[in-house]
Protein backbone atom coordinates (compact mmCIF):
# COMPACT_ATOMS: atom_id res chain seq x y z
CA MET A 1 81.48 37.90 -37.11
CA THR A 2 78.72 35.77 -35.80
CA ALA A 3 77.66 32.60 -37.55
CA PRO A 4 74.41 32.89 -39.53
CA THR A 5 71.40 31.26 -37.99
CA THR A 6 69.67 28.43 -39.81
CA ALA A 7 66.37 26.63 -39.55
CA HIS A 8 68.25 23.64 -38.14
CA THR A 9 69.54 25.47 -35.07
CA LYS A 10 69.10 23.18 -32.04
CA THR A 11 66.62 24.28 -29.33
CA ALA A 12 67.65 24.68 -25.75
CA ALA A 13 67.75 21.54 -23.63
CA PRO A 14 64.58 21.02 -21.55
CA THR A 15 64.74 22.16 -17.95
CA ALA A 16 64.30 19.82 -15.00
CA ALA A 17 60.92 21.37 -14.27
CA HIS A 18 59.72 20.71 -17.79
CA THR A 19 60.90 17.12 -17.57
CA GLU A 20 59.12 16.57 -14.24
CA ALA A 21 55.88 18.08 -15.60
CA ALA A 22 56.02 15.81 -18.62
CA LYS A 23 56.51 12.78 -16.41
CA ALA A 24 53.61 13.84 -14.19
CA ALA A 25 51.37 14.28 -17.23
CA ALA A 26 52.33 10.82 -18.42
CA ARG A 27 51.55 9.35 -14.99
CA HIS A 28 48.17 11.09 -14.97
CA ALA A 29 47.43 9.71 -18.41
CA ARG A 30 48.20 6.17 -17.28
CA THR A 31 46.12 6.48 -14.09
CA SER A 32 42.56 5.20 -14.36
CA TRP A 33 39.59 6.78 -12.63
CA GLU A 34 38.88 3.44 -10.94
CA GLU A 35 42.33 3.46 -9.29
CA LEU A 36 41.69 6.90 -7.86
CA VAL A 37 38.28 5.90 -6.55
CA THR A 38 39.72 2.76 -4.94
CA ALA A 39 42.42 4.78 -3.17
CA ALA A 40 39.86 7.29 -1.94
CA LEU A 41 37.52 4.58 -0.60
CA LEU A 42 40.28 2.66 1.19
CA GLY A 43 42.06 5.78 2.44
CA THR A 44 45.53 7.01 1.59
CA ASP A 45 46.92 5.52 4.80
CA ARG A 46 45.99 2.04 3.47
CA ARG A 47 46.49 2.56 -0.26
CA THR A 48 49.20 4.78 -1.71
CA PRO A 49 47.72 7.07 -4.38
CA PRO A 50 48.75 6.04 -7.90
CA VAL A 51 50.00 9.61 -8.53
CA THR A 52 52.17 11.61 -6.13
CA ALA A 53 53.74 15.04 -6.36
CA PRO A 54 56.81 16.48 -4.61
CA GLY A 55 55.87 18.57 -1.60
CA ARG A 56 52.26 17.35 -1.57
CA ASP A 57 50.95 14.92 1.02
CA ALA A 58 49.05 11.85 -0.14
CA PRO A 59 45.45 13.13 0.33
CA ALA A 60 46.22 16.41 -1.50
CA ALA A 61 47.99 14.55 -4.30
CA LEU A 62 44.99 12.24 -4.66
CA LEU A 63 42.61 15.19 -4.97
CA ASP A 64 44.92 16.88 -7.49
CA ALA A 65 44.98 13.72 -9.59
CA ALA A 66 41.17 13.41 -9.40
CA ALA A 67 40.77 17.03 -10.55
CA VAL A 68 43.12 16.49 -13.50
CA GLN A 69 41.41 13.22 -14.44
CA THR A 70 37.99 14.89 -14.29
CA VAL A 71 39.08 17.54 -16.77
CA ARG A 72 40.61 14.89 -19.03
CA ARG A 73 37.40 12.84 -18.99
CA ARG A 74 35.20 15.82 -19.79
CA ALA A 75 37.50 17.09 -22.51
CA GLY A 76 37.63 13.64 -24.06
CA LEU A 77 33.87 13.30 -24.58
CA ARG A 78 32.88 13.12 -28.20
CA ALA A 79 30.03 15.20 -29.46
CA ALA A 80 26.88 13.21 -30.21
CA PRO A 81 23.58 14.04 -31.89
CA ALA A 82 21.10 15.68 -29.58
CA ALA A 83 18.34 13.48 -28.25
CA GLY A 84 14.93 13.85 -29.80
CA ARG A 85 12.50 16.20 -28.12
CA PRO A 86 10.00 14.19 -26.05
CA GLU A 87 6.40 14.11 -27.12
CA PRO A 88 4.24 16.52 -25.13
CA ALA A 89 2.21 15.12 -22.25
CA SER A 90 -1.44 14.34 -22.78
CA GLN A 91 -3.83 17.16 -22.05
CA ASP A 92 -5.59 17.07 -18.71
CA PRO A 93 -9.16 18.35 -19.17
CA ARG A 94 -9.77 18.87 -15.45
CA PRO A 95 -9.68 22.39 -13.98
CA VAL A 96 -6.67 23.30 -11.84
CA VAL A 97 -7.35 23.68 -8.11
CA PRO A 98 -8.26 27.20 -6.93
CA ALA A 99 -5.48 29.55 -5.82
CA ALA A 100 -6.11 29.10 -2.07
CA ALA A 101 -6.08 25.31 -2.41
CA ARG A 102 -2.90 25.55 -4.49
CA ARG A 103 -1.16 27.42 -1.68
CA ARG A 104 -2.44 24.88 0.83
CA LEU A 105 -1.07 21.98 -1.23
CA ALA A 106 2.33 23.68 -1.45
CA THR A 107 2.36 23.98 2.35
CA LEU A 108 1.38 20.34 2.86
CA LEU A 109 4.05 19.13 0.44
CA ALA A 110 6.72 21.32 2.04
CA ASP A 111 6.04 20.04 5.56
CA HIS A 112 8.15 16.98 6.38
CA THR A 113 8.30 17.30 10.16
CA GLY A 114 5.58 14.83 11.14
CA THR A 115 5.81 13.17 14.53
CA ALA A 116 8.19 10.35 13.71
CA GLY A 117 10.58 11.40 16.47
CA GLY A 118 8.09 10.32 19.12
CA GLY A 119 8.49 13.51 21.15
CA ARG A 120 5.84 15.83 22.48
CA ARG A 121 3.65 16.98 19.61
CA GLY A 122 2.27 20.22 21.02
CA THR A 123 -0.96 21.70 19.70
CA ALA A 124 -0.04 22.16 16.02
CA PRO A 125 -1.76 19.90 13.44
CA ASP A 126 0.28 17.21 11.74
CA LEU A 127 0.29 18.42 8.13
CA VAL A 128 1.91 15.24 6.83
CA GLU A 129 -1.12 13.22 7.89
CA LEU A 130 -3.53 15.70 6.28
CA LEU A 131 -2.06 15.40 2.78
CA PRO A 132 -3.93 12.14 1.92
CA GLN A 133 -7.21 13.73 2.94
CA TRP A 134 -6.53 16.85 0.88
CA LEU A 135 -5.83 14.66 -2.16
CA ALA A 136 -9.00 12.64 -1.60
CA MET A 137 -11.12 15.81 -1.51
CA ALA A 138 -9.41 17.22 -4.61
CA ASN A 139 -10.05 13.96 -6.49
CA GLU A 140 -13.70 13.90 -5.43
CA ARG A 141 -14.15 17.38 -6.88
CA GLY A 142 -12.37 16.53 -10.14
CA PHE A 143 -9.47 18.98 -9.87
CA ALA A 144 -6.10 18.82 -11.63
CA PRO A 145 -2.80 19.73 -9.93
CA PRO A 146 -0.78 22.89 -10.57
CA PRO A 147 1.98 21.77 -12.98
CA GLU A 148 4.75 23.36 -10.88
CA LEU A 149 3.83 21.17 -7.88
CA LEU A 150 3.87 17.85 -9.74
CA PRO A 151 7.56 17.05 -8.96
CA ALA A 152 7.02 17.64 -5.24
CA LEU A 153 3.85 15.56 -5.33
CA LEU A 154 5.63 12.64 -7.03
CA ASN A 155 8.52 12.87 -4.58
CA ALA A 156 6.05 12.67 -1.70
CA ALA A 157 4.35 9.64 -3.26
CA ARG A 158 7.73 8.01 -3.86
CA GLY A 159 8.42 8.01 -0.12
CA ARG A 160 4.92 6.94 0.96
CA THR A 161 3.25 3.99 -0.69
CA ASP A 162 -0.02 4.73 1.15
CA LEU A 163 -0.13 8.08 -0.65
CA ARG A 164 0.35 6.75 -4.17
CA PRO A 165 -3.21 5.85 -5.27
CA GLN A 166 -4.63 9.28 -4.39
CA ALA A 167 -1.50 11.16 -5.53
CA LEU A 168 -1.37 9.46 -8.93
CA ALA A 169 -5.09 9.89 -9.50
CA PHE A 170 -4.70 13.60 -8.77
CA ALA A 171 -1.51 13.92 -10.87
CA GLY A 172 -3.35 12.54 -13.90
CA PRO A 173 -1.72 11.71 -17.26
CA ARG A 174 1.31 13.93 -16.65
CA ALA A 175 2.50 11.64 -13.85
CA GLN A 176 3.27 8.81 -16.26
CA TRP A 177 4.78 11.27 -18.75
CA LEU A 178 7.16 12.55 -16.07
CA ALA A 179 7.89 9.03 -14.84
CA ARG A 180 9.32 8.13 -18.25
CA LEU A 181 11.80 11.00 -17.88
CA ASN A 182 12.86 10.39 -14.27
CA PRO A 183 13.59 6.86 -13.01
CA ASP A 184 12.93 7.98 -9.42
CA TRP A 185 9.23 8.15 -10.33
CA LYS A 186 8.98 4.86 -12.19
CA PHE A 187 6.41 3.64 -9.64
CA ALA A 188 3.89 5.81 -11.50
CA LEU A 189 4.22 3.55 -14.55
CA ARG A 190 2.71 0.67 -12.57
CA ALA A 191 -0.49 2.59 -11.89
CA ALA A 192 -3.34 2.50 -14.36
CA PRO A 193 -4.79 5.96 -15.00
CA GLY A 194 -8.05 5.94 -13.06
CA ARG A 195 -9.84 8.21 -15.52
CA ALA A 196 -8.71 6.53 -18.71
CA ALA A 197 -11.40 6.00 -21.28
CA PRO A 198 -12.04 2.51 -22.65
CA PRO A 199 -9.86 1.91 -25.73
CA GLY A 200 -11.53 2.15 -29.10
CA PRO A 201 -11.17 -0.29 -32.02
CA GLN A 202 -8.68 2.04 -33.71
CA GLU A 203 -6.30 1.62 -30.77
CA GLU A 204 -6.07 -2.16 -30.99
CA GLY A 205 -2.72 -2.08 -32.78
CA ALA A 206 -1.20 0.31 -30.24
CA ILE A 207 -2.47 -1.88 -27.39
CA GLN A 208 -0.88 -4.98 -28.90
CA ARG A 209 2.44 -3.19 -29.42
CA ARG A 210 2.48 -1.88 -25.86
CA TRP A 211 1.63 -5.32 -24.49
CA GLN A 212 4.32 -7.02 -26.59
CA GLU A 213 7.07 -4.40 -26.29
CA GLY A 214 6.35 -2.33 -23.17
CA LEU A 215 8.17 -2.40 -19.87
CA PHE A 216 6.73 -4.71 -17.24
CA ALA A 217 5.28 -1.81 -15.24
CA GLU A 218 3.62 -0.44 -18.39
CA ARG A 219 2.14 -3.85 -19.19
CA VAL A 220 0.70 -4.16 -15.67
CA ALA A 221 -0.81 -0.68 -15.98
CA LEU A 222 -2.26 -1.51 -19.40
CA LEU A 223 -3.80 -4.75 -18.17
CA ALA A 224 -5.33 -3.05 -15.13
CA SER A 225 -6.76 -0.24 -17.27
CA LEU A 226 -8.28 -2.66 -19.77
CA ARG A 227 -9.65 -4.82 -16.98
CA ALA A 228 -11.48 -1.82 -15.50
CA HIS A 229 -13.24 -1.03 -18.80
CA THR A 230 -13.24 -4.15 -20.99
CA PRO A 231 -12.54 -7.21 -18.78
CA ASP A 232 -12.79 -9.75 -21.59
CA THR A 233 -10.24 -7.86 -23.72
CA ALA A 234 -7.76 -7.86 -20.83
CA ARG A 235 -8.19 -11.60 -20.26
CA GLU A 236 -7.77 -12.40 -23.96
CA LEU A 237 -4.63 -10.25 -24.13
CA LEU A 238 -3.14 -12.13 -21.18
CA SER A 239 -4.18 -15.50 -22.53
CA GLY A 240 -2.32 -14.86 -25.79
CA THR A 241 1.10 -14.62 -24.12
CA TRP A 242 0.45 -16.63 -20.95
CA ALA A 243 2.66 -19.58 -21.86
CA THR A 244 5.71 -17.37 -22.49
CA GLU A 245 5.49 -15.18 -19.37
CA ARG A 246 7.77 -15.61 -16.36
CA ALA A 247 6.20 -17.16 -13.25
CA GLU A 248 6.48 -13.98 -11.16
CA ASP A 249 4.94 -11.98 -14.02
CA ARG A 250 2.12 -14.48 -14.44
CA LEU A 251 1.29 -14.09 -10.76
CA MET A 252 1.11 -10.29 -11.02
CA PHE A 253 -0.95 -10.42 -14.23
CA LEU A 254 -3.32 -13.01 -12.78
CA ASP A 255 -3.92 -10.84 -9.74
CA SER A 256 -5.29 -8.10 -12.02
CA LEU A 257 -8.27 -10.36 -12.82
CA ARG A 258 -9.69 -9.61 -9.35
CA THR A 259 -11.08 -6.44 -10.89
CA GLY A 260 -14.34 -7.31 -12.60
CA LEU A 261 -14.04 -11.04 -11.83
CA ARG A 262 -16.82 -12.82 -13.78
CA PRO A 263 -17.97 -16.30 -14.80
CA ALA A 264 -16.42 -15.81 -18.25
CA ASP A 265 -13.00 -15.93 -16.55
CA GLU A 266 -13.53 -19.48 -15.29
CA PRO A 267 -12.05 -21.43 -18.26
CA PHE A 268 -8.85 -19.40 -18.16
CA LEU A 269 -8.56 -19.76 -14.37
CA GLU A 270 -9.23 -23.51 -14.56
CA GLN A 271 -6.34 -23.72 -17.01
CA ALA A 272 -4.15 -21.78 -14.56
CA LEU A 273 -4.83 -24.45 -11.90
CA GLY A 274 -2.35 -26.61 -13.81
CA ASP A 275 0.38 -23.95 -13.81
CA ARG A 276 3.87 -25.03 -12.85
CA SER A 277 4.08 -22.24 -10.22
CA ARG A 278 2.51 -23.05 -6.84
CA ASN A 279 1.73 -19.38 -6.19
CA VAL A 280 -0.03 -19.02 -9.52
CA ARG A 281 -2.10 -22.14 -8.82
CA ALA A 282 -3.07 -20.84 -5.36
CA THR A 283 -4.15 -17.45 -6.76
CA ALA A 284 -6.20 -19.09 -9.53
CA ALA A 285 -7.93 -21.30 -6.94
CA GLU A 286 -8.68 -18.31 -4.72
CA LEU A 287 -10.25 -16.43 -7.63
CA LEU A 288 -12.32 -19.43 -8.67
CA SER A 289 -13.60 -19.92 -5.13
CA SER A 290 -14.84 -16.31 -5.27
CA LEU A 291 -17.12 -17.35 -8.15
CA PRO A 292 -19.90 -19.21 -6.28
CA ASP A 293 -21.12 -21.02 -9.40
CA SER A 294 -17.69 -22.20 -10.57
CA ALA A 295 -16.83 -25.88 -10.84
CA LEU A 296 -14.06 -25.45 -8.26
CA ALA A 297 -16.53 -23.91 -5.79
CA ALA A 298 -18.82 -26.90 -6.29
CA ARG A 299 -15.96 -29.34 -5.72
CA MET A 300 -14.94 -27.53 -2.55
CA ALA A 301 -18.55 -27.45 -1.34
CA ASP A 302 -18.80 -31.23 -1.73
CA ARG A 303 -15.52 -31.78 0.11
CA ALA A 304 -16.48 -29.42 2.94
CA ALA A 305 -19.93 -31.03 3.25
CA SER A 306 -18.30 -34.41 3.73
CA CYS A 307 -16.41 -32.97 6.70
CA VAL A 308 -19.17 -30.92 8.42
CA ALA A 309 -22.65 -32.34 9.01
CA LEU A 310 -25.70 -31.94 11.21
CA ASP A 311 -25.91 -34.54 13.97
CA ARG A 312 -29.59 -35.47 13.89
CA THR A 313 -29.21 -38.16 16.58
CA ALA A 314 -28.30 -35.71 19.35
CA PRO A 315 -31.02 -34.46 21.75
CA SER A 316 -30.55 -30.97 20.31
CA PRO A 317 -29.15 -30.01 16.87
CA ALA A 318 -25.35 -29.84 16.75
CA LEU A 319 -22.58 -29.96 14.16
CA THR A 320 -20.12 -32.79 13.85
CA VAL A 321 -16.74 -32.41 12.16
CA GLU A 322 -14.59 -35.07 10.52
CA ALA A 323 -11.48 -33.39 9.14
CA PRO A 324 -9.77 -34.82 6.02
CA HIS A 325 -7.31 -37.63 6.62
CA GLU A 326 -5.19 -36.80 3.57
CA CYS A 327 -4.64 -34.07 0.99
CA ASP A 328 -5.08 -35.87 -2.32
CA ALA A 329 -3.93 -34.67 -5.74
CA GLY A 330 -7.35 -33.21 -6.56
CA MET A 331 -7.39 -31.11 -3.42
CA GLU A 332 -3.87 -29.89 -4.08
CA ARG A 333 -4.74 -28.95 -7.67
CA ASP A 334 -7.70 -26.96 -6.38
CA GLY A 335 -5.45 -24.83 -4.20
CA VAL A 336 -5.23 -26.72 -0.89
CA ALA A 337 -1.71 -26.31 0.48
CA PRO A 338 -0.64 -29.75 1.76
CA LYS A 339 1.99 -28.63 4.29
CA PRO A 340 0.70 -26.72 7.33
CA PRO A 341 2.63 -23.91 9.01
CA ALA A 342 4.63 -24.68 12.12
CA GLY A 343 2.48 -25.56 15.12
CA ARG A 344 -0.62 -26.35 13.07
CA GLY A 345 -2.05 -29.85 12.65
CA GLU A 346 -2.43 -31.20 9.14
CA ARG A 347 -6.09 -32.17 9.39
CA SER A 348 -7.25 -28.87 10.85
CA TRP A 349 -5.18 -27.05 8.22
CA TRP A 350 -6.85 -28.94 5.37
CA LEU A 351 -10.31 -28.53 6.89
CA GLY A 352 -9.90 -24.75 7.21
CA GLN A 353 -8.94 -24.42 3.55
CA LEU A 354 -11.88 -26.52 2.35
CA VAL A 355 -14.44 -24.58 4.40
CA GLU A 356 -12.93 -21.23 3.41
CA ALA A 357 -13.20 -22.03 -0.30
CA ALA A 358 -16.73 -23.51 -0.19
CA PRO A 359 -19.59 -21.14 -1.15
CA LEU A 360 -21.34 -19.97 2.00
CA THR A 361 -24.69 -20.26 0.24
CA SER A 362 -24.24 -24.04 0.11
CA TRP A 363 -24.38 -24.47 3.89
CA GLN A 364 -27.96 -23.37 4.41
CA GLY A 365 -29.40 -26.13 2.24
CA ARG A 366 -27.07 -28.75 3.67
CA LEU A 367 -27.80 -27.80 7.30
CA GLY A 368 -31.56 -27.87 7.39
CA ASP A 369 -32.33 -24.55 5.65
CA ARG A 370 -31.10 -22.62 8.65
CA SER A 371 -30.09 -18.95 8.44
CA PRO A 372 -26.41 -17.97 8.86
CA ALA A 373 -27.14 -16.74 12.39
CA ASP A 374 -28.78 -20.05 13.31
CA ILE A 375 -25.88 -22.05 11.84
CA VAL A 376 -23.29 -20.00 13.75
CA ALA A 377 -25.27 -20.52 16.96
CA LEU A 378 -25.18 -24.34 16.65
CA PRO A 379 -22.85 -26.13 19.07
CA VAL A 380 -19.90 -27.89 17.44
CA ALA A 381 -18.68 -31.25 18.75
CA ASP A 382 -15.15 -32.20 19.75
CA ASN A 383 -13.76 -28.66 20.13
CA TRP A 384 -13.88 -27.90 16.39
CA ARG A 385 -15.94 -24.73 16.87
CA ALA A 386 -13.06 -22.22 16.79
CA GLU A 387 -11.51 -23.80 13.69
CA LEU A 388 -14.82 -23.99 11.84
CA HIS A 389 -15.92 -20.45 12.69
CA ALA A 390 -12.51 -19.00 11.78
CA ALA A 391 -12.77 -20.61 8.33
CA TRP A 392 -16.28 -19.22 7.90
CA CYS A 393 -14.92 -15.77 8.79
CA ARG A 394 -12.33 -15.98 6.03
CA ALA A 395 -14.97 -17.21 3.60
CA ALA A 396 -17.31 -14.33 4.46
CA VAL A 397 -14.54 -11.81 3.78
CA ARG A 398 -13.44 -13.48 0.54
CA GLN A 399 -17.01 -13.81 -0.76
CA ARG A 400 -18.12 -10.39 0.57
CA ASP A 401 -21.14 -11.98 2.25
CA ALA A 402 -22.74 -9.44 4.60
CA SER A 403 -25.29 -11.92 6.04
CA TRP A 404 -22.61 -14.31 7.25
CA SER A 405 -20.47 -11.41 8.47
CA ARG A 406 -23.32 -10.16 10.66
CA ALA A 407 -23.84 -13.62 12.08
CA LEU A 408 -20.14 -14.09 12.85
CA LEU A 409 -19.71 -10.60 14.29
CA GLY A 410 -22.63 -10.99 16.67
CA PRO A 411 -23.99 -8.03 18.66
CA PRO A 412 -21.38 -5.35 19.43
CA ALA A 413 -22.18 -5.45 23.15
CA SER A 414 -21.54 -9.20 23.48
CA PRO A 415 -19.33 -10.01 26.50
CA ASP A 416 -16.69 -11.64 24.27
CA ALA A 417 -14.96 -8.73 22.54
CA ALA A 418 -13.55 -11.10 19.90
CA GLY A 419 -17.01 -12.10 18.70
CA PRO A 420 -18.65 -15.49 18.33
CA GLY A 421 -16.73 -16.54 15.23
CA ALA A 422 -13.66 -14.32 14.91
CA VAL A 423 -10.34 -15.49 16.28
CA SER A 424 -9.12 -11.94 16.82
CA LEU A 425 -10.12 -8.32 16.56
CA ALA A 426 -8.25 -8.26 13.24
CA GLU A 427 -10.69 -10.87 11.88
CA ARG A 428 -13.58 -8.84 13.20
CA ALA A 429 -12.27 -5.74 11.44
CA LYS A 430 -12.15 -7.69 8.17
CA LEU A 431 -15.74 -8.86 8.62
CA LEU A 432 -16.84 -5.25 9.12
CA THR A 433 -15.49 -4.30 5.68
CA THR A 434 -18.27 -6.39 4.06
CA LEU A 435 -21.01 -4.28 5.67
CA PRO A 436 -22.41 -0.96 4.37
CA ALA A 437 -20.56 2.08 5.74
CA SER A 438 -23.46 3.29 7.89
CA GLU A 439 -24.02 -0.12 9.47
CA ARG A 440 -20.28 -0.49 10.06
CA ALA A 441 -20.11 2.85 11.92
CA GLU A 442 -23.17 2.02 14.03
CA TRP A 443 -21.75 -1.37 15.01
CA VAL A 444 -18.36 0.08 16.02
CA ALA A 445 -20.09 2.85 18.02
CA GLY A 446 -21.98 0.16 19.96
CA PHE A 447 -18.73 -1.75 20.50
CA ILE A 448 -17.02 1.35 21.95
CA ASP A 449 -19.97 2.02 24.27
CA ALA A 450 -19.70 -1.54 25.59
CA HIS A 451 -15.95 -2.16 25.60
CA GLY A 452 -14.24 1.25 25.49
CA LEU A 453 -11.48 2.45 23.20
CA SER A 454 -8.67 0.10 24.18
CA GLU A 455 -10.07 -2.70 22.00
CA ALA A 456 -11.47 -0.52 19.23
CA PHE A 457 -8.43 0.85 17.36
CA GLN A 458 -8.41 -1.77 14.58
CA LEU A 459 -12.18 -1.50 14.17
CA LEU A 460 -12.06 2.29 13.80
CA GLY A 461 -9.53 1.94 11.02
CA VAL A 462 -12.07 0.29 8.67
CA CYS A 463 -14.81 2.90 9.16
CA ALA A 464 -15.61 5.40 6.41
CA VAL A 465 -14.22 8.95 6.68
CA PRO A 466 -15.52 11.25 8.00
CA TRP A 467 -16.97 9.17 10.80
CA ALA A 468 -20.75 9.10 11.07
CA PRO A 469 -22.18 11.32 13.85
CA ALA A 470 -22.99 8.36 16.14
CA LEU A 471 -19.47 6.97 15.85
CA GLY A 472 -17.89 10.40 16.37
CA ARG A 473 -19.94 10.94 19.53
CA ALA A 474 -18.97 7.52 20.86
CA VAL A 475 -15.25 8.24 20.36
CA VAL A 476 -15.40 11.71 21.92
CA ASP A 477 -17.40 10.42 24.90
CA ALA A 478 -14.91 7.60 25.45
CA LEU A 479 -11.96 10.03 25.28
CA ASN A 480 -13.73 12.28 27.79
CA ILE A 481 -14.23 9.34 30.15
CA ALA A 482 -10.54 8.44 29.83
CA ARG A 483 -9.57 12.05 30.62
CA ASP A 484 -11.78 12.12 33.70
CA ALA A 485 -10.19 8.88 34.90
CA GLY A 486 -6.95 10.85 35.40
CA SER A 487 -4.64 8.72 33.22
CA TYR A 488 -2.18 10.08 30.66
CA PRO A 489 -3.48 10.46 27.07
CA TRP A 490 -0.57 8.55 25.57
CA SER A 491 -2.40 5.24 25.80
CA PHE A 492 -4.96 6.70 23.40
CA SER A 493 -2.53 8.41 21.01
CA GLY A 494 -3.48 6.05 18.17
CA VAL A 495 -7.18 6.75 18.58
CA MET A 496 -6.50 10.47 18.93
CA GLY A 497 -4.52 10.41 15.68
CA LEU A 498 -7.40 8.66 13.92
CA ALA A 499 -9.84 11.21 15.35
CA GLU A 500 -7.78 14.06 13.90
CA ARG A 501 -8.14 12.54 10.43
CA CYS A 502 -11.59 10.99 10.67
CA LEU A 503 -13.87 13.04 12.95
CA ASP A 504 -16.36 15.29 11.21
CA PRO A 505 -14.95 18.85 11.41
CA ALA A 506 -18.31 19.96 12.79
CA GLU A 507 -17.32 18.22 16.07
CA ALA A 508 -14.81 21.02 16.75
CA VAL A 509 -17.51 23.13 18.42
CA ARG A 510 -18.42 20.30 20.80
CA LEU A 511 -14.77 19.66 21.62
CA GLU A 512 -14.01 23.24 22.64
CA ALA A 513 -15.11 22.54 26.22
CA LEU A 514 -12.48 19.78 26.52
CA THR A 515 -9.52 22.02 25.65
CA ALA A 516 -9.41 23.59 29.11
CA VAL A 517 -7.15 22.06 31.76
CA PRO A 518 -9.46 20.02 34.04
CA ASP A 519 -9.33 19.81 37.81
CA GLU A 520 -7.29 16.72 38.57
CA PRO A 521 -8.53 14.20 41.13
CA GLU A 522 -6.15 13.24 43.93
CA ASP A 523 -5.32 9.87 42.40
CA ALA A 524 -4.68 11.33 38.90
CA SER A 525 -1.30 11.02 37.21
CA PRO A 526 0.76 14.21 37.75
CA GLY A 527 0.19 16.71 34.95
CA ALA A 528 -2.24 14.47 33.05
CA GLY A 529 -4.83 17.23 32.77
CA GLY A 530 -2.39 19.52 30.97
CA TYR A 531 -1.46 16.80 28.50
CA TRP A 532 -5.13 16.07 27.79
CA SER A 533 -5.78 19.78 27.25
CA GLU A 534 -2.92 19.92 24.76
CA ALA A 535 -4.19 16.85 22.92
CA PHE A 536 -7.71 18.25 22.61
CA GLN A 537 -6.37 21.64 21.45
CA ARG A 538 -4.46 19.85 18.70
CA LEU A 539 -7.57 17.89 17.77
CA VAL A 540 -9.69 21.06 17.55
CA SER A 541 -7.10 22.94 15.48
CA THR A 542 -6.77 19.98 13.11
CA LEU A 543 -10.53 19.76 12.63
CA ARG A 544 -10.68 23.47 11.85
CA LEU A 545 -7.84 23.13 9.37
CA ARG A 546 -9.68 20.30 7.64
CA ALA A 547 -12.77 22.50 7.44
CA ALA A 548 -10.68 25.25 5.84
CA MET A 549 -9.23 22.76 3.35
CA ARG A 550 -12.71 21.67 2.37
CA GLN A 551 -13.82 25.27 1.89
CA GLU A 552 -10.77 26.12 -0.22
CA LEU A 553 -11.62 23.21 -2.53
CA GLY A 554 -15.17 24.45 -2.92
CA GLY A 555 -16.74 21.99 -0.48
């Protein structure tokens, strides 16, 4: 007879396999994710994995342990309340671009080839370089983007800072809404919506809350938006928290006052001259010197006048210069940097800053009621001419004074390509920005006729797009001359790239004759004609594509 079974019957002893599995599970439980990551980064030949298994080599055992730990981590997550549904984006009242333009935008955003590799470009247009122009035309016509293309547009703007102003203006209010959901697009939070309406009285509380509690990028965007519509409100908002802001934030906020700078800003800027940050003081001084009737401008005018005078004892009128012998506390408070850069003398450094900050209108009365052109033409004693004229160039750019810019630029056909007052072509390009667009184009066309394209690249970059007919003709004629000279077109690749983006598309008809391979003179570079033909074919196809883009957008 068999013994009756009971509830207390002992279970079978665990097998060896069960025991080993239990030990492995315990080892997995004690192993941290950080230990596995460290072993993977260092390599199993340098760090033994914290968990091993019989019959498995170290790399396989490490991957097994990572897989087990991944499951454990996921299974161990505790359920949490669902996040609140985000508020819907603001409505965009603009019409969406037409269907053909929508397809074109998708093509431009999908093309990432460009010409960064530096190889032979062929005859196909560079779509990457046409995207900014497409956005500019869409913004001019008041179109909104297709919602499905917004992520690609923001990704493109993320990688290209030059694209951001046009891209964010086109993206509209949804760009900032999306930027709050994706940190990769947080740059959009720093941009003020260009079409935002001025805030009403009922929004004052919301503005204060956003200024007090918002992220730094949101505060910068708010200040810029207010400055564009209600400058005094923006300044008062900044003044209320100025003393508690960090130095780097004060500098960024102060820079926003450039928009709509006005005499009413002077008291606040005078206060900022005493700021503990040197960069903040320098920015405040620069802004005050842009206000010709400010007290700082008057102080700088007096200082500069004590250094530059008309020598009435000379046989013919001339300017004498006596540079400052020290940088006193008053000069330093008004933005004069006491320490010059390496290789620059102290006195010339101080003189340049004083002249740059003095109102240009003050010189005519102090120098015998002469015009800017007559003042620039005066000889300067003791080799101070270059220093004095360079400071006047910077002042003309800062104060946006077209009369002084014309005088310092001189005629475009002058033998000295750097101009009578500019120290470089870069300075000359800055002076051109103060002139009306039509005058700027005419001047650069005359410069190209006299000096060719090799010196003109920087000057072309500041001309309005599309180039005026006279400027376009000057560029095409100069390229044709370079082709006939038999050299390779690579020396003019920068100008050719600008022409693709800036020439009026109507020039395509005139350029057709240049797409053929020319007869090469005996002294020409081998194959140069073929390369020129290819470059002109690309230029023509790009111009035609730009014309199609304009038509698709209703232009």
